[in-house]
Amino acid sequence: EEKKHEAKVLLQNEHIACEFGGHTDRAADCDWAVVSPGVPSDIPLLQTLQMRKIPVYSEVEIASWWIPAPIVAITGSNGKTTTTTLIGEIFKHAGCMTVVAGNIGTPLSDCVENSIKPDGVAVVEVSSFQAEGFETFHPRVGVMLNLSPDHLDRYSGVEAYYAAKKNMIKNQTASDVLVVNQDDVTLMQLIGDSKAQRWAFSLQSIPENGAYVEND
């Protein structure tokens, strides 16, 4: 409550209109909106924005506009945080200026203030909720670990959940890299039309490009 009060005072001192504890239709009078990942997409306010064709972005999308460093983005139904942390440590030990942010706990927008340089790297954990609000988000490397039915209280079905996950890599080009779990059949079908260079990992077979386990 104290933090909320401080934020309210700060906004009011800057003469920025604000509402707390809920939103009226006044909040729909905007050029675009940024939505917290915990807010369901079917609330009346967001439906009003959709009807008015007002863009709705996630915080990660907005922050990425001001990140000059290449982004390594990680998503999946399981193992995201562990993998994100590990990748961040690898870059740090390699002597690279590294920020680790996103769904892992630190907002990516916090890293904009830290002025990461173009020769650094931003390692970003991405949830399906965050990926829903992606428009131009463009990871130099995308990592998709696995897919399994999840958050079905939020989505109309498993296909909608998987589509949100895929949104993370929709802007990748042939000069980008996509790392995928070759053993996940559903995932491999989902990313079949990706233009990115594909690197796979597997416990069951030898990928054309990538890493695998053989004889334990």
C-alpha atoms as a PDB file:
ATOM      1  CA  GLU A   1       0.000   0.000   0.000  1.00  0.00           C
ATOM      2  CA  GLU A   2       2.875   2.347   0.821  1.00  0.00           C
ATOM      3  CA  LYS A   3       4.494   1.756  -2.577  1.00  0.00           C
ATOM      4  CA  LYS A   4       1.150   2.283  -4.288  1.00  0.00           C
ATOM      5  CA  HIS A   5       0.752   5.608  -2.466  1.00  0.00           C
ATOM      6  CA  GLU A   6       4.293   6.679  -3.449  1.00  0.00           C
ATOM      7  CA  ALA A   7       3.565   5.846  -7.086  1.00  0.00           C
ATOM      8  CA  LYS A   8       0.302   7.756  -6.966  1.00  0.00           C
ATOM      9  CA  VAL A   9       1.983  10.865  -5.494  1.00  0.00           C
ATOM     10  CA  LEU A  10       4.800  10.673  -8.075  1.00  0.00           C
ATOM     11  CA  LEU A  11       2.331  10.462 -10.972  1.00  0.00           C
ATOM     12  CA  GLN A  12       0.168  13.254  -9.611  1.00  0.00           C
ATOM     13  CA  ASN A  13       3.206  15.497  -9.086  1.00  0.00           C
ATOM     14  CA  GLU A  14       4.046  14.980 -12.757  1.00  0.00           C
ATOM     15  CA  HIS A  15       0.403  15.738 -13.681  1.00  0.00           C
ATOM     16  CA  ILE A  16      -0.076  12.257 -15.125  1.00  0.00           C
ATOM     17  CA  ALA A  17      -3.655  10.974 -14.960  1.00  0.00           C
ATOM     18  CA  CYS A  18      -3.887   7.747 -12.967  1.00  0.00           C
ATOM     19  CA  GLU A  19      -6.408   5.285 -11.546  1.00  0.00           C
ATOM     20  CA  PHE A  20      -5.809   2.729  -8.807  1.00  0.00           C
ATOM     21  CA  GLY A  21      -7.814  -0.272  -7.629  1.00  0.00           C
ATOM     22  CA  GLY A  22      -9.498  -0.726 -11.011  1.00  0.00           C
ATOM     23  CA  HIS A  23     -10.082   1.083 -14.298  1.00  0.00           C
ATOM     24  CA  THR A  24     -12.933   3.049 -15.780  1.00  0.00           C
ATOM     25  CA  ASP A  25     -13.523   3.523 -19.515  1.00  0.00           C
ATOM     26  CA  ARG A  26     -11.306   6.597 -19.239  1.00  0.00           C
ATOM     27  CA  ALA A  27      -8.325   4.254 -19.406  1.00  0.00           C
ATOM     28  CA  ALA A  28      -9.386   3.239 -22.922  1.00  0.00           C
ATOM     29  CA  ASP A  29      -8.817   6.793 -24.148  1.00  0.00           C
ATOM     30  CA  CYS A  30      -5.195   6.190 -25.165  1.00  0.00           C
ATOM     31  CA  ASP A  31      -2.888   5.718 -28.151  1.00  0.00           C
ATOM     32  CA  TRP A  32      -1.712   2.327 -26.905  1.00  0.00           C
ATOM     33  CA  ALA A  33      -1.756   0.300 -23.699  1.00  0.00           C
ATOM     34  CA  VAL A  34       0.739  -1.771 -21.730  1.00  0.00           C
ATOM     35  CA  VAL A  35      -0.806  -4.696 -19.870  1.00  0.00           C
ATOM     36  CA  SER A  36       0.627  -6.625 -16.951  1.00  0.00           C
ATOM     37  CA  PRO A  37       0.959 -10.342 -17.805  1.00  0.00           C
ATOM     38  CA  GLY A  38      -1.369 -11.308 -14.966  1.00  0.00           C
ATOM     39  CA  VAL A  39      -4.324  -9.425 -16.470  1.00  0.00           C
ATOM     40  CA  PRO A  40      -6.720 -11.723 -18.413  1.00  0.00           C
ATOM     41  CA  SER A  41      -7.241 -10.676 -22.032  1.00  0.00           C
ATOM     42  CA  ASP A  42     -11.038 -10.948 -21.777  1.00  0.00           C
ATOM     43  CA  ILE A  43     -11.673  -8.162 -19.239  1.00  0.00           C
ATOM     44  CA  PRO A  44     -14.085  -5.454 -20.494  1.00  0.00           C
ATOM     45  CA  LEU A  45     -11.419  -2.732 -20.719  1.00  0.00           C
ATOM     46  CA  LEU A  46      -9.177  -4.810 -22.995  1.00  0.00           C
ATOM     47  CA  GLN A  47     -12.178  -5.797 -25.106  1.00  0.00           C
ATOM     48  CA  THR A  48     -12.949  -2.090 -25.515  1.00  0.00           C
ATOM     49  CA  LEU A  49      -9.347  -1.447 -26.618  1.00  0.00           C
ATOM     50  CA  GLN A  50      -9.578  -4.301 -29.114  1.00  0.00           C
ATOM     51  CA  MET A  51     -12.871  -2.968 -30.475  1.00  0.00           C
ATOM     52  CA  ARG A  52     -11.294   0.480 -30.932  1.00  0.00           C
ATOM     53  CA  LYS A  53      -8.238  -1.147 -32.590  1.00  0.00           C
ATOM     54  CA  ILE A  54      -5.914   0.376 -29.990  1.00  0.00           C
ATOM     55  CA  PRO A  55      -2.609  -1.567 -29.736  1.00  0.00           C
ATOM     56  CA  VAL A  56      -2.026  -3.504 -26.525  1.00  0.00           C
ATOM     57  CA  TYR A  57       1.587  -4.405 -25.703  1.00  0.00           C
ATOM     58  CA  SER A  58       3.396  -6.273 -22.960  1.00  0.00           C
ATOM     59  CA  GLU A  59       6.079  -4.609 -20.835  1.00  0.00           C
ATOM     60  CA  VAL A  60       8.754  -6.818 -22.446  1.00  0.00           C
ATOM     61  CA  GLU A  61       7.714  -5.596 -25.907  1.00  0.00           C
ATOM     62  CA  ILE A  62       7.956  -1.929 -24.880  1.00  0.00           C
ATOM     63  CA  ALA A  63      11.313  -2.419 -23.140  1.00  0.00           C
ATOM     64  CA  SER A  64      12.790  -4.204 -26.158  1.00  0.00           C
ATOM     65  CA  TRP A  65      12.388  -1.022 -28.229  1.00  0.00           C
ATOM     66  CA  TRP A  66      15.201   0.547 -26.173  1.00  0.00           C
ATOM     67  CA  ILE A  67      17.504  -2.474 -25.763  1.00  0.00           C
ATOM     68  CA  PRO A  68      20.435  -2.032 -28.208  1.00  0.00           C
ATOM     69  CA  ALA A  69      22.033  -5.362 -27.289  1.00  0.00           C
ATOM     70  CA  PRO A  70      21.061  -8.662 -28.946  1.00  0.00           C
ATOM     71  CA  ILE A  71      18.354 -10.574 -27.098  1.00  0.00           C
ATOM     72  CA  VAL A  72      18.417 -14.256 -26.183  1.00  0.00           C
ATOM     73  CA  ALA A  73      14.819 -15.195 -25.369  1.00  0.00           C
ATOM     74  CA  ILE A  74      13.776 -18.423 -23.635  1.00  0.00           C
ATOM     75  CA  THR A  75      10.318 -19.941 -23.380  1.00  0.00           C
ATOM     76  CA  GLY A  76       8.728 -23.325 -22.771  1.00  0.00           C
ATOM     77  CA  SER A  77       6.228 -24.972 -20.473  1.00  0.00           C
ATOM     78  CA  ASN A  78       8.948 -26.222 -18.101  1.00  0.00           C
ATOM     79  CA  GLY A  79      12.539 -25.289 -17.257  1.00  0.00           C
ATOM     80  CA  LYS A  80      12.500 -21.649 -18.402  1.00  0.00           C
ATOM     81  CA  THR A  81      13.959 -20.111 -15.255  1.00  0.00           C
ATOM     82  CA  THR A  82      16.722 -22.704 -14.862  1.00  0.00           C
ATOM     83  CA  THR A  83      17.741 -22.361 -18.495  1.00  0.00           C
ATOM     84  CA  THR A  84      17.596 -18.557 -18.428  1.00  0.00           C
ATOM     85  CA  THR A  85      19.766 -18.438 -15.300  1.00  0.00           C
ATOM     86  CA  LEU A  86      22.292 -20.864 -16.799  1.00  0.00           C
ATOM     87  CA  ILE A  87      22.564 -18.933 -20.081  1.00  0.00           C
ATOM     88  CA  GLY A  88      23.015 -15.701 -18.145  1.00  0.00           C
ATOM     89  CA  GLU A  89      25.855 -17.227 -16.099  1.00  0.00           C
ATOM     90  CA  ILE A  90      27.556 -18.538 -19.259  1.00  0.00           C
ATOM     91  CA  PHE A  91      27.605 -15.048 -20.790  1.00  0.00           C
ATOM     92  CA  LYS A  92      28.792 -13.458 -17.534  1.00  0.00           C
ATOM     93  CA  HIS A  93      31.656 -15.947 -17.190  1.00  0.00           C
ATOM     94  CA  ALA A  94      32.588 -15.212 -20.817  1.00  0.00           C
ATOM     95  CA  GLY A  95      33.116 -11.590 -19.768  1.00  0.00           C
ATOM     96  CA  CYS A  96      30.076 -10.243 -21.596  1.00  0.00           C
ATOM     97  CA  MET A  97      27.983  -7.412 -20.110  1.00  0.00           C
ATOM     98  CA  THR A  98      24.798  -9.342 -19.365  1.00  0.00           C
ATOM     99  CA  VAL A  99      21.336  -8.613 -18.029  1.00  0.00           C
ATOM    100  CA  VAL A 100      18.934 -11.404 -17.059  1.00  0.00           C
ATOM    101  CA  ALA A 101      15.337 -10.282 -16.998  1.00  0.00           C
ATOM    102  CA  GLY A 102      11.720 -10.901 -17.960  1.00  0.00           C
ATOM    103  CA  ASN A 103       9.530 -13.532 -16.360  1.00  0.00           C
ATOM    104  CA  ILE A 104      12.466 -14.511 -14.122  1.00  0.00           C
ATOM    105  CA  GLY A 105      11.684 -11.581 -11.815  1.00  0.00           C
ATOM    106  CA  THR A 106      13.512  -8.469 -13.031  1.00  0.00           C
ATOM    107  CA  PRO A 107      11.417  -6.412 -15.485  1.00  0.00           C
ATOM    108  CA  LEU A 108      13.224  -5.886 -18.785  1.00  0.00           C
ATOM    109  CA  SER A 109      12.321  -2.187 -18.539  1.00  0.00           C
ATOM    110  CA  ASP A 110      14.605  -1.957 -15.469  1.00  0.00           C
ATOM    111  CA  CYS A 111      17.500  -2.927 -17.751  1.00  0.00           C
ATOM    112  CA  VAL A 112      16.796  -0.015 -20.103  1.00  0.00           C
ATOM    113  CA  GLU A 113      17.757   2.358 -17.293  1.00  0.00           C
ATOM    114  CA  ASN A 114      21.009   0.408 -16.789  1.00  0.00           C
ATOM    115  CA  SER A 115      22.016   1.332 -20.361  1.00  0.00           C
ATOM    116  CA  ILE A 116      23.275  -2.054 -21.558  1.00  0.00           C
ATOM    117  CA  LYS A 117      25.644  -1.546 -24.492  1.00  0.00           C
ATOM    118  CA  PRO A 118      25.205  -2.980 -28.016  1.00  0.00           C
ATOM    119  CA  ASP A 119      28.082  -5.430 -27.397  1.00  0.00           C
ATOM    120  CA  GLY A 120      26.324  -6.848 -24.320  1.00  0.00           C
ATOM    121  CA  VAL A 121      23.465  -9.345 -24.254  1.00  0.00           C
ATOM    122  CA  ALA A 122      19.984  -9.417 -22.750  1.00  0.00           C
ATOM    123  CA  VAL A 123      18.865 -12.872 -21.615  1.00  0.00           C
ATOM    124  CA  VAL A 124      15.083 -12.788 -21.298  1.00  0.00           C
ATOM    125  CA  GLU A 125      12.704 -15.388 -19.892  1.00  0.00           C
ATOM    126  CA  VAL A 126       9.369 -15.094 -21.709  1.00  0.00           C
ATOM    127  CA  SER A 127       6.012 -16.411 -20.505  1.00  0.00           C
ATOM    128  CA  SER A 128       3.086 -17.037 -22.832  1.00  0.00           C
ATOM    129  CA  PHE A 129       1.262 -14.124 -21.168  1.00  0.00           C
ATOM    130  CA  GLN A 130       4.115 -11.754 -22.007  1.00  0.00           C
ATOM    131  CA  ALA A 131       4.418 -13.091 -25.563  1.00  0.00           C
ATOM    132  CA  GLU A 132       0.741 -12.302 -26.239  1.00  0.00           C
ATOM    133  CA  GLY A 133       1.689  -8.612 -26.341  1.00  0.00           C
ATOM    134  CA  PHE A 134       4.592  -8.951 -28.801  1.00  0.00           C
ATOM    135  CA  GLU A 135       4.527  -6.956 -32.023  1.00  0.00           C
ATOM    136  CA  THR A 136       8.148  -6.186 -32.953  1.00  0.00           C
ATOM    137  CA  PHE A 137      10.011  -8.214 -30.267  1.00  0.00           C
ATOM    138  CA  HIS A 138      12.955  -9.756 -32.108  1.00  0.00           C
ATOM    139  CA  PRO A 139      15.342 -12.146 -30.346  1.00  0.00           C
ATOM    140  CA  ARG A 140      18.691 -12.790 -32.019  1.00  0.00           C
ATOM    141  CA  VAL A 141      18.442 -16.240 -30.427  1.00  0.00           C
ATOM    142  CA  GLY A 142      15.163 -17.882 -29.493  1.00  0.00           C
ATOM    143  CA  VAL A 143      15.109 -20.961 -27.252  1.00  0.00           C
ATOM    144  CA  MET A 144      11.974 -23.121 -27.117  1.00  0.00           C
ATOM    145  CA  LEU A 145      12.353 -25.891 -24.558  1.00  0.00           C
ATOM    146  CA  ASN A 146       9.119 -27.895 -24.633  1.00  0.00           C
ATOM    147  CA  LEU A 147       5.341 -27.705 -24.833  1.00  0.00           C
ATOM    148  CA  SER A 148       2.658 -29.194 -22.604  1.00  0.00           C
ATOM    149  CA  PRO A 149      -0.916 -28.096 -21.837  1.00  0.00           C
ATOM    150  CA  ASP A 150      -0.810 -25.249 -19.299  1.00  0.00           C
ATOM    151  CA  HIS A 151      -2.727 -22.128 -18.247  1.00  0.00           C
ATOM    152  CA  LEU A 152      -5.887 -23.477 -19.858  1.00  0.00           C
ATOM    153  CA  ASP A 153      -7.921 -21.354 -17.454  1.00  0.00           C
ATOM    154  CA  ARG A 154      -6.563 -18.362 -19.391  1.00  0.00           C
ATOM    155  CA  TYR A 155      -6.718 -19.694 -22.957  1.00  0.00           C
ATOM    156  CA  SER A 156      -9.605 -20.962 -25.088  1.00  0.00           C
ATOM    157  CA  GLY A 157      -7.669 -24.162 -25.710  1.00  0.00           C
ATOM    158  CA  VAL A 158      -4.229 -25.689 -25.962  1.00  0.00           C
ATOM    159  CA  GLU A 159      -3.779 -24.355 -29.515  1.00  0.00           C
ATOM    160  CA  ALA A 160      -4.177 -20.762 -28.308  1.00  0.00           C
ATOM    161  CA  TYR A 161      -1.607 -21.364 -25.565  1.00  0.00           C
ATOM    162  CA  TYR A 162       0.890 -22.817 -28.039  1.00  0.00           C
ATOM    163  CA  ALA A 163       0.252 -19.937 -30.465  1.00  0.00           C
ATOM    164  CA  ALA A 164       1.126 -17.457 -27.698  1.00  0.00           C
ATOM    165  CA  LYS A 165       4.415 -19.293 -27.142  1.00  0.00           C
ATOM    166  CA  LYS A 166       5.213 -19.176 -30.859  1.00  0.00           C
ATOM    167  CA  ASN A 167       4.638 -15.412 -30.866  1.00  0.00           C
ATOM    168  CA  MET A 168       8.084 -15.062 -29.278  1.00  0.00           C
ATOM    169  CA  ILE A 169       9.854 -16.081 -32.499  1.00  0.00           C
ATOM    170  CA  LYS A 170       7.503 -14.664 -35.133  1.00  0.00           C
ATOM    171  CA  ASN A 171       9.906 -11.845 -36.110  1.00  0.00           C
ATOM    172  CA  GLN A 172      13.014 -14.004 -36.455  1.00  0.00           C
ATOM    173  CA  THR A 173      14.752 -13.997 -39.839  1.00  0.00           C
ATOM    174  CA  ALA A 174      17.316 -16.213 -41.569  1.00  0.00           C
ATOM    175  CA  SER A 175      20.127 -14.369 -39.766  1.00  0.00           C
ATOM    176  CA  ASP A 176      18.717 -15.381 -36.358  1.00  0.00           C
ATOM    177  CA  VAL A 177      19.012 -18.658 -34.455  1.00  0.00           C
ATOM    178  CA  LEU A 178      16.287 -20.904 -33.034  1.00  0.00           C
ATOM    179  CA  VAL A 179      17.267 -23.547 -30.465  1.00  0.00           C
ATOM    180  CA  VAL A 180      14.639 -26.278 -30.056  1.00  0.00           C
ATOM    181  CA  ASN A 181      13.956 -29.571 -28.329  1.00  0.00           C
ATOM    182  CA  GLN A 182      13.955 -32.070 -31.192  1.00  0.00           C
ATOM    183  CA  ASP A 183      12.325 -34.727 -28.996  1.00  0.00           C
ATOM    184  CA  ASP A 184       9.150 -32.653 -28.579  1.00  0.00           C
ATOM    185  CA  VAL A 185       7.009 -33.594 -31.590  1.00  0.00           C
ATOM    186  CA  THR A 186       4.373 -30.926 -30.941  1.00  0.00           C
ATOM    187  CA  LEU A 187       7.030 -28.230 -30.663  1.00  0.00           C
ATOM    188  CA  MET A 188       8.766 -29.310 -33.865  1.00  0.00           C
ATOM    189  CA  GLN A 189       5.455 -29.113 -35.743  1.00  0.00           C
ATOM    190  CA  LEU A 190       4.725 -25.693 -34.272  1.00  0.00           C
ATOM    191  CA  ILE A 191       8.020 -24.137 -35.413  1.00  0.00           C
ATOM    192  CA  GLY A 192       8.056 -25.855 -38.801  1.00  0.00           C
ATOM    193  CA  ASP A 193       7.682 -22.596 -40.759  1.00  0.00           C
ATOM    194  CA  SER A 194      10.363 -20.679 -38.837  1.00  0.00           C
ATOM    195  CA  LYS A 195      12.861 -18.830 -41.049  1.00  0.00           C
ATOM    196  CA  ALA A 196      15.623 -18.887 -38.415  1.00  0.00           C
ATOM    197  CA  GLN A 197      18.703 -21.122 -38.467  1.00  0.00           C
ATOM    198  CA  ARG A 198      17.710 -24.177 -36.442  1.00  0.00           C
ATOM    199  CA  TRP A 199      19.876 -25.754 -33.769  1.00  0.00           C
ATOM    200  CA  ALA A 200      18.372 -28.691 -31.909  1.00  0.00           C
ATOM    201  CA  PHE A 201      19.094 -30.690 -28.784  1.00  0.00           C
ATOM    202  CA  SER A 202      18.041 -34.290 -28.230  1.00  0.00           C
ATOM    203  CA  LEU A 203      18.285 -37.250 -25.893  1.00  0.00           C
ATOM    204  CA  GLN A 204      16.890 -39.650 -28.504  1.00  0.00           C
ATOM    205  CA  SER A 205      18.584 -38.959 -31.833  1.00  0.00           C
ATOM    206  CA  ILE A 206      21.386 -37.026 -33.517  1.00  0.00           C
ATOM    207  CA  PRO A 207      20.251 -33.622 -34.851  1.00  0.00           C
ATOM    208  CA  GLU A 208      21.508 -32.267 -38.162  1.00  0.00           C
ATOM    209  CA  ASN A 209      22.862 -29.294 -36.188  1.00  0.00           C
ATOM    210  CA  GLY A 210      23.032 -29.254 -32.420  1.00  0.00           C
ATOM    211  CA  ALA A 211      23.745 -31.213 -29.274  1.00  0.00           C
ATOM    212  CA  TYR A 212      22.824 -34.736 -28.255  1.00  0.00           C
ATOM    213  CA  VAL A 213      23.514 -37.421 -25.679  1.00  0.00           C
ATOM    214  CA  GLU A 214      25.092 -40.679 -26.825  1.00  0.00           C
ATOM    215  CA  ASN A 215      25.901 -43.672 -24.618  1.00  0.00           C
ATOM    216  CA  ASP A 216      24.935 -41.622 -21.573  1.00  0.00           C
END
